[in-house]
Amino acid sequence: MSELKAAFDAAVADSKTLAERPDNQTLLRIYGLFKQASEGDATGKRPGFTDFVGRAKFDAWAALQGTSSEAAMQAYVELITRLKG
């Protein structure tokens, strides 16, 4: 697990220095995977319909409901590695 955590932490750092800004769908995927890996299943109330960004972020996180922290970390690392490409 510590190897995966180290790779995840490195990918988080790498995500801040990507050569190109990913499209919005990819950014939402990155956000959802990060939140699932670091906090687990989505908690709290879904933001109101006037908070478009907050609602999209919450939905991206909630879509990963039931995904283990380890699986989310692995998917995050793979996605960032692909984006660094």
N, C-alpha and C. Protein backbone atom coordinates (compact mmCIF):
# COMPACT_ATOMS: atom_id res chain seq x y z
N MET A 1 0.83 -1.20 0.00
CA MET A 1 0.00 0.00 0.00
C MET A 1 0.87 1.26 0.00
N SER A 2 1.97 1.26 0.73
CA SER A 2 2.79 2.46 0.81
C SER A 2 3.40 2.82 -0.55
N GLU A 3 3.66 1.82 -1.38
CA GLU A 3 4.18 2.07 -2.72
C GLU A 3 3.12 2.79 -3.56
N LEU A 4 1.88 2.33 -3.45
CA LEU A 4 0.77 2.96 -4.16
C LEU A 4 0.55 4.38 -3.67
N LYS A 5 0.62 4.57 -2.36
CA LYS A 5 0.43 5.91 -1.77
C LYS A 5 1.52 6.86 -2.27
N ALA A 6 2.75 6.38 -2.35
CA ALA A 6 3.85 7.21 -2.85
C ALA A 6 3.63 7.57 -4.32
N ALA A 7 3.17 6.60 -5.12
CA ALA A 7 2.88 6.87 -6.53
C ALA A 7 1.72 7.86 -6.66
N PHE A 8 0.72 7.72 -5.79
CA PHE A 8 -0.43 8.63 -5.79
C PHE A 8 0.03 10.05 -5.45
N ASP A 9 0.83 10.18 -4.40
CA ASP A 9 1.33 11.50 -4.01
C ASP A 9 2.16 12.14 -5.13
N ALA A 10 2.95 11.33 -5.81
CA ALA A 10 3.75 11.84 -6.93
C ALA A 10 2.84 12.28 -8.08
N ALA A 11 1.78 11.51 -8.33
CA ALA A 11 0.83 11.86 -9.40
C ALA A 11 0.08 13.15 -9.06
N VAL A 12 -0.24 13.34 -7.78
CA VAL A 12 -0.90 14.58 -7.36
C VAL A 12 0.02 15.77 -7.67
N ALA A 13 1.29 15.63 -7.35
CA ALA A 13 2.25 16.71 -7.65
C ALA A 13 2.37 16.91 -9.16
N ASP A 14 2.41 15.81 -9.91
CA ASP A 14 2.52 15.89 -11.37
C ASP A 14 1.29 16.54 -11.99
N SER A 15 0.13 16.34 -11.38
CA SER A 15 -1.10 16.89 -11.95
C SER A 15 -1.09 18.41 -11.97
N LYS A 16 -0.29 19.00 -11.12
CA LYS A 16 -0.21 20.46 -11.05
C LYS A 16 0.76 21.04 -12.07
N THR A 17 1.51 20.18 -12.74
CA THR A 17 2.52 20.65 -13.69
C THR A 17 2.34 20.04 -15.08
N LEU A 18 1.11 19.68 -15.43
CA LEU A 18 0.87 19.11 -16.75
C LEU A 18 1.15 20.16 -17.82
N ALA A 19 1.69 19.72 -18.95
CA ALA A 19 2.03 20.64 -20.04
C ALA A 19 0.78 21.31 -20.59
N GLU A 20 -0.31 20.55 -20.72
CA GLU A 20 -1.57 21.08 -21.25
C GLU A 20 -2.66 20.94 -20.22
N ARG A 21 -3.56 21.91 -20.20
CA ARG A 21 -4.71 21.83 -19.30
C ARG A 21 -5.70 20.82 -19.89
N PRO A 22 -6.08 19.79 -19.10
CA PRO A 22 -7.04 18.81 -19.61
C PRO A 22 -8.41 19.44 -19.84
N ASP A 23 -9.24 18.76 -20.66
CA ASP A 23 -10.59 19.25 -20.88
C ASP A 23 -11.41 19.10 -19.59
N ASN A 24 -12.57 19.71 -19.55
CA ASN A 24 -13.37 19.73 -18.33
C ASN A 24 -13.78 18.34 -17.85
N GLN A 25 -14.13 17.45 -18.76
CA GLN A 25 -14.51 16.09 -18.36
C GLN A 25 -13.35 15.38 -17.68
N THR A 26 -12.16 15.56 -18.22
CA THR A 26 -10.98 14.93 -17.62
C THR A 26 -10.67 15.56 -16.26
N LEU A 27 -10.83 16.87 -16.16
CA LEU A 27 -10.61 17.53 -14.88
C LEU A 27 -11.58 17.02 -13.82
N LEU A 28 -12.82 16.80 -14.23
CA LEU A 28 -13.81 16.26 -13.28
C LEU A 28 -13.44 14.83 -12.88
N ARG A 29 -12.94 14.06 -13.81
CA ARG A 29 -12.50 12.68 -13.51
C ARG A 29 -11.33 12.72 -12.51
N ILE A 30 -10.38 13.61 -12.75
CA ILE A 30 -9.24 13.76 -11.84
C ILE A 30 -9.74 14.13 -10.45
N TYR A 31 -10.64 15.10 -10.38
CA TYR A 31 -11.18 15.55 -9.10
C TYR A 31 -11.90 14.40 -8.38
N GLY A 32 -12.77 13.71 -9.09
CA GLY A 32 -13.53 12.62 -8.48
C GLY A 32 -12.62 11.51 -7.95
N LEU A 33 -11.63 11.14 -8.74
CA LEU A 33 -10.70 10.09 -8.30
C LEU A 33 -9.89 10.55 -7.09
N PHE A 34 -9.46 11.80 -7.09
CA PHE A 34 -8.71 12.32 -5.95
C PHE A 34 -9.55 12.27 -4.69
N LYS A 35 -10.77 12.77 -4.77
CA LYS A 35 -11.64 12.80 -3.59
C LYS A 35 -11.96 11.38 -3.11
N GLN A 36 -12.23 10.47 -4.03
CA GLN A 36 -12.55 9.09 -3.65
C GLN A 36 -11.34 8.44 -3.00
N ALA A 37 -10.15 8.69 -3.54
CA ALA A 37 -8.93 8.10 -2.99
C ALA A 37 -8.60 8.67 -1.62
N SER A 38 -8.83 9.95 -1.43
CA SER A 38 -8.41 10.59 -0.18
C SER A 38 -9.49 10.64 0.89
N GLU A 39 -10.77 10.65 0.49
CA GLU A 39 -11.83 10.79 1.48
C GLU A 39 -12.86 9.67 1.48
N GLY A 40 -12.87 8.84 0.45
CA GLY A 40 -13.88 7.78 0.37
C GLY A 40 -15.13 8.27 -0.32
N ASP A 41 -16.25 7.59 -0.08
CA ASP A 41 -17.50 7.93 -0.75
C ASP A 41 -17.94 9.36 -0.47
N ALA A 42 -18.62 9.94 -1.45
CA ALA A 42 -19.10 11.32 -1.35
C ALA A 42 -20.01 11.49 -0.14
N THR A 43 -19.83 12.61 0.54
CA THR A 43 -20.63 12.92 1.71
C THR A 43 -21.21 14.32 1.55
N GLY A 44 -22.19 14.62 2.37
CA GLY A 44 -22.78 15.95 2.33
C GLY A 44 -23.88 16.04 1.29
N LYS A 45 -24.47 17.21 1.23
CA LYS A 45 -25.55 17.44 0.29
C LYS A 45 -25.01 17.85 -1.07
N ARG A 46 -25.73 17.45 -2.11
CA ARG A 46 -25.39 17.85 -3.46
C ARG A 46 -25.67 19.35 -3.59
N PRO A 47 -24.72 20.12 -4.15
CA PRO A 47 -24.94 21.56 -4.30
C PRO A 47 -26.19 21.86 -5.14
N GLY A 48 -26.75 23.02 -4.93
CA GLY A 48 -27.95 23.43 -5.65
C GLY A 48 -27.71 23.63 -7.13
N PHE A 49 -28.80 23.74 -7.88
CA PHE A 49 -28.71 23.82 -9.34
C PHE A 49 -28.04 25.11 -9.83
N THR A 50 -27.92 26.12 -8.98
CA THR A 50 -27.25 27.35 -9.40
C THR A 50 -25.73 27.26 -9.26
N ASP A 51 -25.25 26.26 -8.52
CA ASP A 51 -23.80 26.06 -8.34
C ASP A 51 -23.35 24.99 -9.33
N PHE A 52 -23.19 25.40 -10.60
CA PHE A 52 -22.88 24.45 -11.66
C PHE A 52 -21.57 23.71 -11.43
N VAL A 53 -20.53 24.43 -11.03
CA VAL A 53 -19.22 23.82 -10.83
C VAL A 53 -19.26 22.86 -9.64
N GLY A 54 -19.79 23.33 -8.52
CA GLY A 54 -19.88 22.49 -7.33
C GLY A 54 -20.69 21.23 -7.58
N ARG A 55 -21.77 21.38 -8.31
CA ARG A 55 -22.64 20.24 -8.62
C ARG A 55 -21.92 19.23 -9.51
N ALA A 56 -21.21 19.73 -10.52
CA ALA A 56 -20.47 18.84 -11.42
C ALA A 56 -19.37 18.10 -10.67
N LYS A 57 -18.68 18.80 -9.77
CA LYS A 57 -17.62 18.16 -8.98
C LYS A 57 -18.21 17.10 -8.06
N PHE A 58 -19.31 17.43 -7.40
CA PHE A 58 -19.95 16.47 -6.50
C PHE A 58 -20.40 15.23 -7.28
N ASP A 59 -21.00 15.45 -8.44
CA ASP A 59 -21.48 14.33 -9.26
C ASP A 59 -20.33 13.44 -9.72
N ALA A 60 -19.19 14.06 -10.08
CA ALA A 60 -18.02 13.29 -10.50
C ALA A 60 -17.51 12.41 -9.37
N TRP A 61 -17.55 12.95 -8.15
CA TRP A 61 -17.12 12.19 -6.98
C TRP A 61 -18.14 11.11 -6.64
N ALA A 62 -19.42 11.47 -6.63
CA ALA A 62 -20.48 10.53 -6.27
C ALA A 62 -20.57 9.36 -7.26
N ALA A 63 -20.17 9.59 -8.50
CA ALA A 63 -20.21 8.53 -9.51
C ALA A 63 -19.26 7.39 -9.17
N LEU A 64 -18.30 7.65 -8.30
CA LEU A 64 -17.31 6.64 -7.92
C LEU A 64 -17.68 5.93 -6.61
N GLN A 65 -18.90 6.15 -6.15
CA GLN A 65 -19.40 5.53 -4.91
C GLN A 65 -19.08 4.04 -4.89
N GLY A 66 -18.51 3.57 -3.80
CA GLY A 66 -18.21 2.15 -3.65
C GLY A 66 -16.84 1.74 -4.17
N THR A 67 -16.16 2.64 -4.87
CA THR A 67 -14.81 2.35 -5.35
C THR A 67 -13.86 2.42 -4.16
N SER A 68 -13.01 1.43 -4.02
CA SER A 68 -12.07 1.45 -2.90
C SER A 68 -11.05 2.56 -3.06
N SER A 69 -10.48 2.97 -1.97
CA SER A 69 -9.46 4.01 -1.99
C SER A 69 -8.27 3.57 -2.85
N GLU A 70 -7.89 2.32 -2.72
CA GLU A 70 -6.75 1.80 -3.49
C GLU A 70 -7.04 1.82 -4.99
N ALA A 71 -8.24 1.39 -5.37
CA ALA A 71 -8.61 1.38 -6.79
C ALA A 71 -8.65 2.80 -7.35
N ALA A 72 -9.15 3.75 -6.56
CA ALA A 72 -9.20 5.14 -7.00
C ALA A 72 -7.79 5.71 -7.14
N MET A 73 -6.92 5.38 -6.20
CA MET A 73 -5.52 5.83 -6.28
C MET A 73 -4.87 5.30 -7.55
N GLN A 74 -5.07 4.02 -7.81
CA GLN A 74 -4.46 3.40 -8.99
C GLN A 74 -4.98 4.05 -10.27
N ALA A 75 -6.29 4.28 -10.35
CA ALA A 75 -6.88 4.91 -11.53
C ALA A 75 -6.35 6.34 -11.69
N TYR A 76 -6.19 7.05 -10.59
CA TYR A 76 -5.66 8.41 -10.62
C TYR A 76 -4.24 8.42 -11.17
N VAL A 77 -3.40 7.54 -10.64
CA VAL A 77 -2.00 7.44 -11.09
C VAL A 77 -1.95 7.14 -12.59
N GLU A 78 -2.78 6.19 -13.04
CA GLU A 78 -2.79 5.81 -14.45
C GLU A 78 -3.24 6.98 -15.34
N LEU A 79 -4.27 7.71 -14.90
CA LEU A 79 -4.77 8.85 -15.68
C LEU A 79 -3.73 9.95 -15.79
N ILE A 80 -3.11 10.30 -14.69
CA ILE A 80 -2.09 11.37 -14.72
C ILE A 80 -0.89 10.94 -15.55
N THR A 81 -0.50 9.68 -15.44
CA THR A 81 0.62 9.16 -16.24
C THR A 81 0.30 9.27 -17.73
N ARG A 82 -0.94 8.94 -18.11
CA ARG A 82 -1.38 9.05 -19.50
C ARG A 82 -1.36 10.51 -19.96
N LEU A 83 -1.80 11.41 -19.10
CA LEU A 83 -1.84 12.83 -19.46
C LEU A 83 -0.44 13.43 -19.59
N LYS A 84 0.50 12.92 -18.80
CA LYS A 84 1.88 13.39 -18.89
C LYS A 84 2.51 12.96 -20.21
N GLY A 85 2.04 11.77 -20.68
CA GLY A 85 2.45 11.11 -21.88
C GLY A 85 3.53 11.63 -22.66
